[in-house]
C-alpha atoms as a PDB file:
ATOM      1  CA  UNK A   1       9.425 -28.666  24.527  1.00  0.00           C
ATOM      2  CA  UNK A   2       7.814 -29.154  21.183  1.00  0.00           C
ATOM      3  CA  UNK A   3       8.596 -27.048  18.224  1.00  0.00           C
ATOM      4  CA  UNK A   4       4.427 -26.249  18.240  1.00  0.00           C
ATOM      5  CA  UNK A   5       4.967 -24.846  21.869  1.00  0.00           C
ATOM      6  CA  UNK A   6       8.420 -23.129  20.831  1.00  0.00           C
ATOM      7  CA  UNK A   7       6.711 -21.490  18.090  1.00  0.00           C
ATOM      8  CA  UNK A   8       3.616 -20.269  20.379  1.00  0.00           C
ATOM      9  CA  UNK A   9       6.137 -18.892  22.675  1.00  0.00           C
ATOM     10  CA  UNK A  10       7.547 -16.919  19.762  1.00  0.00           C
ATOM     11  CA  UNK A  11       3.942 -15.657  18.714  1.00  0.00           C
ATOM     12  CA  UNK A  12       3.225 -14.595  22.527  1.00  0.00           C
ATOM     13  CA  UNK A  13       6.470 -12.617  22.728  1.00  0.00           C
ATOM     14  CA  UNK A  14       5.605 -10.575  19.626  1.00  0.00           C
ATOM     15  CA  UNK A  15       2.158 -10.170  20.613  1.00  0.00           C
ATOM     16  CA  UNK A  16       3.131  -8.794  24.243  1.00  0.00           C
ATOM     17  CA  UNK A  17       5.642  -5.887  22.538  1.00  0.00           C
ATOM     18  CA  UNK A  18       2.308  -4.643  20.448  1.00  0.00           C
ATOM     19  CA  UNK A  19       1.108  -1.336  21.893  1.00  0.00           C
ATOM     20  CA  UNK A  20      -0.570   1.731  20.905  1.00  0.00           C
ATOM     21  CA  UNK A  21       1.580   4.858  22.014  1.00  0.00           C
ATOM     22  CA  UNK A  22       0.212   8.359  22.587  1.00  0.00           C
ATOM     23  CA  UNK A  23       0.495  10.537  19.707  1.00  0.00           C
ATOM     24  CA  UNK A  24       0.980  14.173  20.447  1.00  0.00           C
ATOM     25  CA  UNK A  25       1.940  15.701  17.551  1.00  0.00           C
ATOM     26  CA  UNK A  26       2.941  15.135  13.690  1.00  0.00           C
ATOM     27  CA  UNK A  27       6.121  12.974  13.077  1.00  0.00           C
ATOM     28  CA  UNK A  28       8.241  13.120   9.968  1.00  0.00           C
ATOM     29  CA  UNK A  29       7.588   9.697   9.508  1.00  0.00           C
ATOM     30  CA  UNK A  30       3.936   9.885   8.885  1.00  0.00           C
ATOM     31  CA  UNK A  31       3.126  13.500   7.705  1.00  0.00           C
ATOM     32  CA  UNK A  32       3.481  12.259   4.215  1.00  0.00           C
ATOM     33  CA  UNK A  33       0.454  10.316   4.755  1.00  0.00           C
ATOM     34  CA  UNK A  34      -2.101  11.385   2.021  1.00  0.00           C
ATOM     35  CA  UNK A  35      -5.051  11.539   4.367  1.00  0.00           C
ATOM     36  CA  UNK A  36      -5.324  14.769   6.259  1.00  0.00           C
ATOM     37  CA  UNK A  37      -8.209  13.314   8.191  1.00  0.00           C
ATOM     38  CA  UNK A  38      -6.307  10.025   9.289  1.00  0.00           C
ATOM     39  CA  UNK A  39      -3.232  12.623  10.765  1.00  0.00           C
ATOM     40  CA  UNK A  40      -5.529  14.373  12.662  1.00  0.00           C
ATOM     41  CA  UNK A  41      -7.391  11.241  14.200  1.00  0.00           C
ATOM     42  CA  UNK A  42      -3.800   9.998  14.817  1.00  0.00           C
ATOM     43  CA  UNK A  43      -3.559  12.789  17.497  1.00  0.00           C
ATOM     44  CA  UNK A  44      -6.989  13.436  18.784  1.00  0.00           C
ATOM     45  CA  UNK A  45      -8.158   9.603  18.886  1.00  0.00           C
ATOM     46  CA  UNK A  46      -4.637   7.854  19.184  1.00  0.00           C
ATOM     47  CA  UNK A  47      -6.253   5.419  21.976  1.00  0.00           C
ATOM     48  CA  UNK A  48      -8.911   4.334  19.587  1.00  0.00           C
ATOM     49  CA  UNK A  49      -6.267   2.940  17.132  1.00  0.00           C
ATOM     50  CA  UNK A  50      -6.640  -0.623  16.267  1.00  0.00           C
ATOM     51  CA  UNK A  51      -3.597  -2.490  17.249  1.00  0.00           C
ATOM     52  CA  UNK A  52      -1.436  -3.895  14.680  1.00  0.00           C
ATOM     53  CA  UNK A  53      -0.775  -7.714  14.767  1.00  0.00           C
ATOM     54  CA  UNK A  54       2.060 -10.138  15.331  1.00  0.00           C
ATOM     55  CA  UNK A  55       3.156  -9.957  11.561  1.00  0.00           C
ATOM     56  CA  UNK A  56       3.688  -6.311  11.733  1.00  0.00           C
ATOM     57  CA  UNK A  57       5.255  -6.322  14.545  1.00  0.00           C
ATOM     58  CA  UNK A  58       7.645  -8.706  13.340  1.00  0.00           C
ATOM     59  CA  UNK A  59       8.183  -6.078  10.499  1.00  0.00           C
ATOM     60  CA  UNK A  60       8.967  -3.636  12.689  1.00  0.00           C
ATOM     61  CA  UNK A  61      11.598  -5.675  14.497  1.00  0.00           C
ATOM     62  CA  UNK A  62      13.096  -6.782  11.397  1.00  0.00           C
ATOM     63  CA  UNK A  63      13.465  -2.830  10.334  1.00  0.00           C
ATOM     64  CA  UNK A  64      15.746  -2.466  13.462  1.00  0.00           C
ATOM     65  CA  UNK A  65      18.284  -4.981  12.597  1.00  0.00           C
ATOM     66  CA  UNK A  66      18.369  -3.752   8.894  1.00  0.00           C
ATOM     67  CA  UNK A  67      19.403  -0.468  10.023  1.00  0.00           C
ATOM     68  CA  UNK A  68      22.076  -1.990  11.848  1.00  0.00           C
ATOM     69  CA  UNK A  69      23.075  -3.956   8.724  1.00  0.00           C
ATOM     70  CA  UNK A  70      23.014  -1.055   6.528  1.00  0.00           C
ATOM     71  CA  UNK A  71      25.199   1.135   8.757  1.00  0.00           C
ATOM     72  CA  UNK A  72      27.817  -1.690   9.091  1.00  0.00           C
ATOM     73  CA  UNK A  73      27.734  -2.180   5.155  1.00  0.00           C
ATOM     74  CA  UNK A  74      28.220   1.635   4.391  1.00  0.00           C
ATOM     75  CA  UNK A  75      31.334   1.602   7.258  1.00  0.00           C
ATOM     76  CA  UNK A  76      32.820  -1.296   5.274  1.00  0.00           C
ATOM     77  CA  UNK A  77      32.312   0.628   2.039  1.00  0.00           C
ATOM     78  CA  UNK A  78      34.822   3.108   3.492  1.00  0.00           C
ATOM     79  CA  UNK A  79      31.889   5.760   4.157  1.00  0.00           C
ATOM     80  CA  UNK A  80      31.982   8.353   6.877  1.00  0.00           C
ATOM     81  CA  UNK A  81      29.000   7.256   8.473  1.00  0.00           C
ATOM     82  CA  UNK A  82      27.701   9.029  11.891  1.00  0.00           C
ATOM     83  CA  UNK A  83      24.835   7.961  14.077  1.00  0.00           C
ATOM     84  CA  UNK A  84      24.090  10.976  16.057  1.00  0.00           C
ATOM     85  CA  UNK A  85      24.022  10.908  20.094  1.00  0.00           C
ATOM     86  CA  UNK A  86      20.953  12.736  20.252  1.00  0.00           C
ATOM     87  CA  UNK A  87      18.643  11.048  17.106  1.00  0.00           C
ATOM     88  CA  UNK A  88      15.533  12.950  18.142  1.00  0.00           C
ATOM     89  CA  UNK A  89      14.769  16.462  17.149  1.00  0.00           C
ATOM     90  CA  UNK A  90      11.515  18.624  16.255  1.00  0.00           C
ATOM     91  CA  UNK A  91      10.763  21.163  13.949  1.00  0.00           C
ATOM     92  CA  UNK A  92       8.668  24.029  15.382  1.00  0.00           C
ATOM     93  CA  UNK A  93       5.634  25.896  14.042  1.00  0.00           C
ATOM     94  CA  UNK A  94       4.218  23.830  12.870  1.00  0.00           C
ATOM     95  CA  UNK A  95       5.760  21.043  15.209  1.00  0.00           C
ATOM     96  CA  UNK A  96       7.042  18.155  13.297  1.00  0.00           C
ATOM     97  CA  UNK A  97       9.267  15.919  15.359  1.00  0.00           C
ATOM     98  CA  UNK A  98      11.853  13.179  13.881  1.00  0.00           C
ATOM     99  CA  UNK A  99      14.150  10.542  14.499  1.00  0.00           C
ATOM    100  CA  UNK A 100      17.349  10.234  12.531  1.00  0.00           C
ATOM    101  CA  UNK A 101      18.650   7.237  11.092  1.00  0.00           C
ATOM    102  CA  UNK A 102      22.459   8.011  10.124  1.00  0.00           C
ATOM    103  CA  UNK A 103      24.056  10.975   8.364  1.00  0.00           C
ATOM    104  CA  UNK A 104      26.988  10.670   5.559  1.00  0.00           C
ATOM    105  CA  UNK A 105      29.791  12.807   5.441  1.00  0.00           C
ATOM    106  CA  UNK A 106      31.208  13.874   2.217  1.00  0.00           C
ATOM    107  CA  UNK A 107      34.055  15.370   0.638  1.00  0.00           C
ATOM    108  CA  UNK A 108      32.743  18.886   1.301  1.00  0.00           C
ATOM    109  CA  UNK A 109      33.030  18.284   5.242  1.00  0.00           C
ATOM    110  CA  UNK A 110      28.980  18.569   5.575  1.00  0.00           C
ATOM    111  CA  UNK A 111      27.046  15.696   6.935  1.00  0.00           C
ATOM    112  CA  UNK A 112      23.949  14.666   4.836  1.00  0.00           C
ATOM    113  CA  UNK A 113      20.502  12.370   6.314  1.00  0.00           C
ATOM    114  CA  UNK A 114      20.323   9.426   5.506  1.00  0.00           C
ATOM    115  CA  UNK A 115      16.831   7.293   5.670  1.00  0.00           C
ATOM    116  CA  UNK A 116      17.323   3.543   5.862  1.00  0.00           C
ATOM    117  CA  UNK A 117      14.538   1.351   4.092  1.00  0.00           C
ATOM    118  CA  UNK A 118      13.787  -2.393   3.805  1.00  0.00           C
ATOM    119  CA  UNK A 119      12.193  -3.212   0.983  1.00  0.00           C
ATOM    120  CA  UNK A 120      10.867  -6.424  -0.972  1.00  0.00           C
ATOM    121  CA  UNK A 121      13.144  -7.608  -3.984  1.00  0.00           C
ATOM    122  CA  UNK A 122      10.286  -6.241  -6.410  1.00  0.00           C
ATOM    123  CA  UNK A 123       9.881  -2.688  -4.610  1.00  0.00           C
ATOM    124  CA  UNK A 124      13.635  -2.524  -4.483  1.00  0.00           C
ATOM    125  CA  UNK A 125      14.058  -3.086  -8.004  1.00  0.00           C
ATOM    126  CA  UNK A 126      11.522  -0.051  -8.757  1.00  0.00           C
ATOM    127  CA  UNK A 127      13.087   2.327  -7.164  1.00  0.00           C
ATOM    128  CA  UNK A 128      16.157   4.031  -8.874  1.00  0.00           C
ATOM    129  CA  UNK A 129      15.346   7.694  -8.605  1.00  0.00           C
ATOM    130  CA  UNK A 130      12.893  10.009  -6.573  1.00  0.00           C
ATOM    131  CA  UNK A 131      10.568   9.947  -9.335  1.00  0.00           C
ATOM    132  CA  UNK A 132       9.924   6.303  -8.962  1.00  0.00           C
ATOM    133  CA  UNK A 133       8.821   6.940  -5.307  1.00  0.00           C
ATOM    134  CA  UNK A 134       6.325   9.510  -6.331  1.00  0.00           C
ATOM    135  CA  UNK A 135       5.066   7.125  -9.231  1.00  0.00           C
ATOM    136  CA  UNK A 136       4.467   4.524  -7.066  1.00  0.00           C
ATOM    137  CA  UNK A 137       1.369   2.601  -6.311  1.00  0.00           C
ATOM    138  CA  UNK A 138       1.811   2.244  -2.974  1.00  0.00           C
ATOM    139  CA  UNK A 139       0.851   5.122  -0.835  1.00  0.00           C
ATOM    140  CA  UNK A 140       3.515   4.792   1.837  1.00  0.00           C
ATOM    141  CA  UNK A 141       6.246   4.779  -0.781  1.00  0.00           C
ATOM    142  CA  UNK A 142       4.913   7.789  -2.336  1.00  0.00           C
ATOM    143  CA  UNK A 143       5.078   9.024   1.465  1.00  0.00           C
ATOM    144  CA  UNK A 144       8.747   8.190   1.972  1.00  0.00           C
ATOM    145  CA  UNK A 145      10.378  11.324   0.472  1.00  0.00           C
ATOM    146  CA  UNK A 146       8.483  13.342   2.873  1.00  0.00           C
ATOM    147  CA  UNK A 147      10.033  12.216   5.790  1.00  0.00           C
ATOM    148  CA  UNK A 148      13.577  13.160   4.011  1.00  0.00           C
ATOM    149  CA  UNK A 149      12.295  16.550   3.053  1.00  0.00           C
ATOM    150  CA  UNK A 150      11.444  17.507   6.583  1.00  0.00           C
ATOM    151  CA  UNK A 151      14.824  16.416   7.699  1.00  0.00           C
ATOM    152  CA  UNK A 152      16.769  18.382   4.896  1.00  0.00           C
ATOM    153  CA  UNK A 153      14.340  21.427   5.808  1.00  0.00           C
ATOM    154  CA  UNK A 154      15.433  21.093   9.625  1.00  0.00           C
ATOM    155  CA  UNK A 155      18.947  20.712   8.700  1.00  0.00           C
ATOM    156  CA  UNK A 156      19.337  23.054   6.315  1.00  0.00           C
ATOM    157  CA  UNK A 157      20.987  20.568   3.589  1.00  0.00           C
ATOM    158  CA  UNK A 158      20.221  20.517  -0.024  1.00  0.00           C
ATOM    159  CA  UNK A 159      20.251  17.152  -0.638  1.00  0.00           C
ATOM    160  CA  UNK A 160      19.908  13.914   1.389  1.00  0.00           C
ATOM    161  CA  UNK A 161      20.018  10.010   0.654  1.00  0.00           C
ATOM    162  CA  UNK A 162      17.823   6.993   0.813  1.00  0.00           C
ATOM    163  CA  UNK A 163      19.787   3.824   1.696  1.00  0.00           C
ATOM    164  CA  UNK A 164      17.609   0.966   0.184  1.00  0.00           C
ATOM    165  CA  UNK A 165      18.224  -2.511   1.812  1.00  0.00           C
ATOM    166  CA  UNK A 166      16.681  -5.619  -0.067  1.00  0.00           C
ATOM    167  CA  UNK A 167      15.322  -7.706   2.437  1.00  0.00           C
ATOM    168  CA  UNK A 168      15.928 -10.781   0.552  1.00  0.00           C
ATOM    169  CA  UNK A 169      19.605 -10.307  -1.023  1.00  0.00           C
ATOM    170  CA  UNK A 170      21.074  -7.823   1.280  1.00  0.00           C
ATOM    171  CA  UNK A 171      21.796  -5.919  -1.609  1.00  0.00           C
ATOM    172  CA  UNK A 172      22.053  -1.919  -0.591  1.00  0.00           C
ATOM    173  CA  UNK A 173      21.544   0.935  -3.144  1.00  0.00           C
ATOM    174  CA  UNK A 174      21.794   4.859  -2.430  1.00  0.00           C
ATOM    175  CA  UNK A 175      19.604   7.169  -3.939  1.00  0.00           C
ATOM    176  CA  UNK A 176      20.322  10.770  -3.960  1.00  0.00           C
ATOM    177  CA  UNK A 177      17.302  13.317  -2.879  1.00  0.00           C
ATOM    178  CA  UNK A 178      17.579  16.969  -3.771  1.00  0.00           C
ATOM    179  CA  UNK A 179      15.642  19.549  -1.651  1.00  0.00           C
ATOM    180  CA  UNK A 180      12.377  20.555  -3.017  1.00  0.00           C
ATOM    181  CA  UNK A 181      11.104  23.892  -1.610  1.00  0.00           C
ATOM    182  CA  UNK A 182       7.835  23.585  -2.795  1.00  0.00           C
ATOM    183  CA  UNK A 183       7.195  20.191  -1.737  1.00  0.00           C
ATOM    184  CA  UNK A 184       8.593  20.629   1.648  1.00  0.00           C
ATOM    185  CA  UNK A 185       6.528  23.848   1.792  1.00  0.00           C
ATOM    186  CA  UNK A 186       3.432  21.832   1.121  1.00  0.00           C
ATOM    187  CA  UNK A 187       4.178  19.828   3.597  1.00  0.00           C
ATOM    188  CA  UNK A 188       4.419  22.499   6.531  1.00  0.00           C
ATOM    189  CA  UNK A 189       0.981  24.206   5.398  1.00  0.00           C
ATOM    190  CA  UNK A 190      -0.889  20.435   5.344  1.00  0.00           C
ATOM    191  CA  UNK A 191       0.581  20.413   9.046  1.00  0.00           C
ATOM    192  CA  UNK A 192      -0.753  23.813   9.463  1.00  0.00           C
ATOM    193  CA  UNK A 193      -4.143  22.895   8.200  1.00  0.00           C
ATOM    194  CA  UNK A 194      -4.082  19.806  10.851  1.00  0.00           C
ATOM    195  CA  UNK A 195      -3.084  21.806  13.947  1.00  0.00           C
ATOM    196  CA  UNK A 196      -5.889  24.434  12.847  1.00  0.00           C
ATOM    197  CA  UNK A 197      -8.453  21.654  12.652  1.00  0.00           C
ATOM    198  CA  UNK A 198      -7.285  20.112  15.751  1.00  0.00           C
ATOM    199  CA  UNK A 199      -7.613  23.764  17.926  1.00  0.00           C
ATOM    200  CA  UNK A 200     -11.239  23.860  16.230  1.00  0.00           C
ATOM    201  CA  UNK A 201     -11.730  20.545  17.398  1.00  0.00           C
ATOM    202  CA  UNK A 202     -13.285  19.881  13.741  1.00  0.00           C
ATOM    203  CA  UNK A 203     -11.888  18.078  10.610  1.00  0.00           C
ATOM    204  CA  UNK A 204     -14.796  18.447   7.960  1.00  0.00           C
ATOM    205  CA  UNK A 205     -12.442  20.789   5.770  1.00  0.00           C
ATOM    206  CA  UNK A 206      -9.401  18.201   5.841  1.00  0.00           C
ATOM    207  CA  UNK A 207      -8.704  16.321   2.888  1.00  0.00           C
ATOM    208  CA  UNK A 208      -9.395  12.702   2.838  1.00  0.00           C
ATOM    209  CA  UNK A 209      -8.281   9.947   0.449  1.00  0.00           C
ATOM    210  CA  UNK A 210      -9.989   8.722  -2.392  1.00  0.00           C
ATOM    211  CA  UNK A 211      -8.797   5.000  -2.250  1.00  0.00           C
ATOM    212  CA  UNK A 212     -11.066   2.848  -0.851  1.00  0.00           C
ATOM    213  CA  UNK A 213      -9.118   0.109  -0.229  1.00  0.00           C
ATOM    214  CA  UNK A 214      -6.987   2.516   2.199  1.00  0.00           C
ATOM    215  CA  UNK A 215     -10.179   3.246   4.112  1.00  0.00           C
ATOM    216  CA  UNK A 216     -11.014  -0.431   4.358  1.00  0.00           C
ATOM    217  CA  UNK A 217      -7.432  -0.968   5.951  1.00  0.00           C
ATOM    218  CA  UNK A 218      -7.309   2.002   8.226  1.00  0.00           C
ATOM    219  CA  UNK A 219      -6.535   1.468  11.935  1.00  0.00           C
ATOM    220  CA  UNK A 220      -8.886   4.857  12.900  1.00  0.00           C
ATOM    221  CA  UNK A 221     -11.673   3.739  10.177  1.00  0.00           C
ATOM    222  CA  UNK A 222     -13.965   2.973  13.087  1.00  0.00           C
ATOM    223  CA  UNK A 223     -13.665   6.754  14.431  1.00  0.00           C
ATOM    224  CA  UNK A 224     -13.834   8.509  10.980  1.00  0.00           C
ATOM    225  CA  UNK A 225     -17.003   9.763   9.291  1.00  0.00           C
ATOM    226  CA  UNK A 226     -15.710   9.510   5.669  1.00  0.00           C
ATOM    227  CA  UNK A 227     -14.883   5.842   6.018  1.00  0.00           C
ATOM    228  CA  UNK A 228     -16.370   3.558   3.433  1.00  0.00           C
ATOM    229  CA  UNK A 229     -18.155   0.083   4.316  1.00  0.00           C
ATOM    230  CA  UNK A 230     -16.376  -2.756   3.021  1.00  0.00           C
ATOM    231  CA  UNK A 231     -18.252  -4.716  -0.084  1.00  0.00           C
ATOM    232  CA  UNK A 232     -17.377  -8.354  -0.696  1.00  0.00           C
ATOM    233  CA  UNK A 233     -16.378  -7.925  -4.694  1.00  0.00           C
ATOM    234  CA  UNK A 234     -17.899 -10.390  -7.304  1.00  0.00           C
ATOM    235  CA  UNK A 235     -15.897 -11.679 -10.371  1.00  0.00           C
ATOM    236  CA  UNK A 236     -17.041 -10.305 -13.861  1.00  0.00           C
ATOM    237  CA  UNK A 237     -17.747 -12.975 -16.780  1.00  0.00           C
ATOM    238  CA  UNK A 238     -15.879 -10.800 -19.050  1.00  0.00           C
ATOM    239  CA  UNK A 239     -18.814  -8.732 -20.204  1.00  0.00           C
ATOM    240  CA  UNK A 240     -17.592  -5.498 -18.224  1.00  0.00           C
ATOM    241  CA  UNK A 241     -13.889  -6.164 -18.705  1.00  0.00           C
ATOM    242  CA  UNK A 242     -14.798  -5.914 -22.349  1.00  0.00           C
ATOM    243  CA  UNK A 243     -16.774  -2.658 -22.275  1.00  0.00           C
ATOM    244  CA  UNK A 244     -14.333  -0.830 -19.970  1.00  0.00           C
ATOM    245  CA  UNK A 245     -11.630  -1.654 -22.571  1.00  0.00           C
ATOM    246  CA  UNK A 246     -13.858  -0.409 -25.409  1.00  0.00           C
ATOM    247  CA  UNK A 247     -14.136   2.635 -23.462  1.00  0.00           C
ATOM    248  CA  UNK A 248     -10.626   3.379 -23.038  1.00  0.00           C
ATOM    249  CA  UNK A 249     -10.307   3.627 -26.546  1.00  0.00           C
ATOM    250  CA  UNK A 250     -13.415   5.882 -27.288  1.00  0.00           C
ATOM    251  CA  UNK A 251     -12.285   8.762 -24.975  1.00  0.00           C
ATOM    252  CA  UNK A 252     -12.117  10.921 -27.808  1.00  0.00           C
ATOM    253  CA  UNK A 253     -15.520  10.459 -28.455  1.00  0.00           C
ATOM    254  CA  UNK A 254     -17.735  11.766 -25.583  1.00  0.00           C
ATOM    255  CA  UNK A 255     -21.007  10.519 -26.924  1.00  0.00           C
ATOM    256  CA  UNK A 256     -20.203   6.624 -27.423  1.00  0.00           C
ATOM    257  CA  UNK A 257     -17.819   7.141 -24.101  1.00  0.00           C
ATOM    258  CA  UNK A 258     -20.941   7.837 -22.086  1.00  0.00           C
ATOM    259  CA  UNK A 259     -22.815   5.445 -23.943  1.00  0.00           C
ATOM    260  CA  UNK A 260     -20.305   2.517 -23.085  1.00  0.00           C
ATOM    261  CA  UNK A 261     -20.363   4.061 -19.380  1.00  0.00           C
ATOM    262  CA  UNK A 262     -24.068   3.451 -18.950  1.00  0.00           C
ATOM    263  CA  UNK A 263     -23.920   0.288 -20.293  1.00  0.00           C
ATOM    264  CA  UNK A 264     -21.141  -0.731 -17.821  1.00  0.00           C
ATOM    265  CA  UNK A 265     -23.494   0.364 -15.002  1.00  0.00           C
ATOM    266  CA  UNK A 266     -26.263  -1.806 -16.422  1.00  0.00           C
ATOM    267  CA  UNK A 267     -24.072  -4.468 -16.260  1.00  0.00           C
ATOM    268  CA  UNK A 268     -23.250  -4.283 -12.809  1.00  0.00           C
ATOM    269  CA  UNK A 269     -26.667  -4.166 -11.990  1.00  0.00           C
ATOM    270  CA  UNK A 270     -27.180  -4.267  -8.161  1.00  0.00           C
ATOM    271  CA  UNK A 271     -23.548  -4.928  -7.393  1.00  0.00           C
ATOM    272  CA  UNK A 272     -21.116  -2.337  -5.605  1.00  0.00           C
ATOM    273  CA  UNK A 273     -18.113  -4.039  -6.451  1.00  0.00           C
ATOM    274  CA  UNK A 274     -16.893  -6.282  -9.022  1.00  0.00           C
ATOM    275  CA  UNK A 275     -13.427  -7.368 -10.189  1.00  0.00           C
ATOM    276  CA  UNK A 276     -13.320  -7.336 -13.850  1.00  0.00           C
ATOM    277  CA  UNK A 277     -10.326  -8.872 -15.127  1.00  0.00           C
ATOM    278  CA  UNK A 278      -7.422  -6.110 -14.695  1.00  0.00           C
ATOM    279  CA  UNK A 279      -9.921  -3.736 -13.238  1.00  0.00           C
ATOM    280  CA  UNK A 280     -11.926  -3.444  -9.707  1.00  0.00           C
ATOM    281  CA  UNK A 281     -15.251  -1.539 -10.740  1.00  0.00           C
ATOM    282  CA  UNK A 282     -16.892   0.225  -7.620  1.00  0.00           C
ATOM    283  CA  UNK A 283     -20.147   2.037  -7.373  1.00  0.00           C
ATOM    284  CA  UNK A 284     -20.483   5.192  -5.055  1.00  0.00           C
ATOM    285  CA  UNK A 285     -23.790   6.743  -4.360  1.00  0.00           C
ATOM    286  CA  UNK A 286     -24.243  10.602  -3.651  1.00  0.00           C
ATOM    287  CA  UNK A 287     -27.355  12.312  -2.781  1.00  0.00           C
ATOM    288  CA  UNK A 288     -28.084  14.921  -5.167  1.00  0.00           C
ATOM    289  CA  UNK A 289     -30.096  17.831  -3.634  1.00  0.00           C
ATOM    290  CA  UNK A 290     -32.941  19.110  -5.426  1.00  0.00           C
ATOM    291  CA  UNK A 291     -32.263  22.780  -6.399  1.00  0.00           C
ATOM    292  CA  UNK A 292     -32.536  23.146 -10.036  1.00  0.00           C
ATOM    293  CA  UNK A 293     -32.701  19.533 -10.938  1.00  0.00           C
ATOM    294  CA  UNK A 294     -34.800  16.610  -9.327  1.00  0.00           C
ATOM    295  CA  UNK A 295     -33.498  15.301  -6.071  1.00  0.00           C
ATOM    296  CA  UNK A 296     -32.777  11.594  -5.741  1.00  0.00           C
ATOM    297  CA  UNK A 297     -29.809   8.980  -5.824  1.00  0.00           C
ATOM    298  CA  UNK A 298     -27.005   9.570  -8.230  1.00  0.00           C
ATOM    299  CA  UNK A 299     -24.261   6.712  -9.141  1.00  0.00           C
ATOM    300  CA  UNK A 300     -20.743   7.508  -9.794  1.00  0.00           C
ATOM    301  CA  UNK A 301     -18.661   4.748 -11.428  1.00  0.00           C
ATOM    302  CA  UNK A 302     -15.248   4.341 -10.442  1.00  0.00           C
ATOM    303  CA  UNK A 303     -12.706   2.273 -12.415  1.00  0.00           C
ATOM    304  CA  UNK A 304      -9.313   1.176 -10.962  1.00  0.00           C
ATOM    305  CA  UNK A 305      -6.785  -0.976 -12.315  1.00  0.00           C
ATOM    306  CA  UNK A 306      -5.530  -3.407 -10.458  1.00  0.00           C
END
């Protein structure tokens, strides 16, 4: 058998493992997702999810081996590590299910929940405190603490740990996470809103995300009324980037700030998405209702640092 056929066999094996599983309730692993409508659709329209690809399936499989590696390494370090016999559990009212990775037993005799995450070297270096998670530019990293907060809520623990594994070097570090009642309470209220919307069969009042790049990658995008149509971005010749940088310098001067804003719109012309140096510039249009002002289309300029 040739290497080409062997590689095809490996690929097909991964593809055969790809499945879209039923989702009947919120999970600790997804409740931190920033889009409430996505969480609603994950339950109501789970059958409509676009299946992930073989690359993502490989990442999932690798995650299982990373968990085993982390447990082995922690035990070798002399820590008392336990993997509960019954790893699946649920929080009632609102219903959130979860699955533990492991627990660490400390000198006080208590078992504290530990969540294992395999990360790229760049992400591994950036995350050294719980604040670093919340400051991350990646929405799924910002959502990680929610998972651990639900665990702590469930078991009544004042703290838990992230066990981070560098997927390139195998390095491991633990990050302590103190229980935050306000954030945990906000998560539970968020869950209540989603379940209320499911009962009403109406998600119009649920919050959506304002990150168009998330919408474009969403596996339920085709079911969501809040979706954004993908638009190919053009590359700016430097004109818009210069105006944006000047605008940043003029925030204290509202008149000139607005003037620069108008010039950026003029420079965009008919284009809806442009990469201008280190910025992604997009135009979103909303209909202005004819109340005290004349009706028509208004344009909103969105500038995001890349």
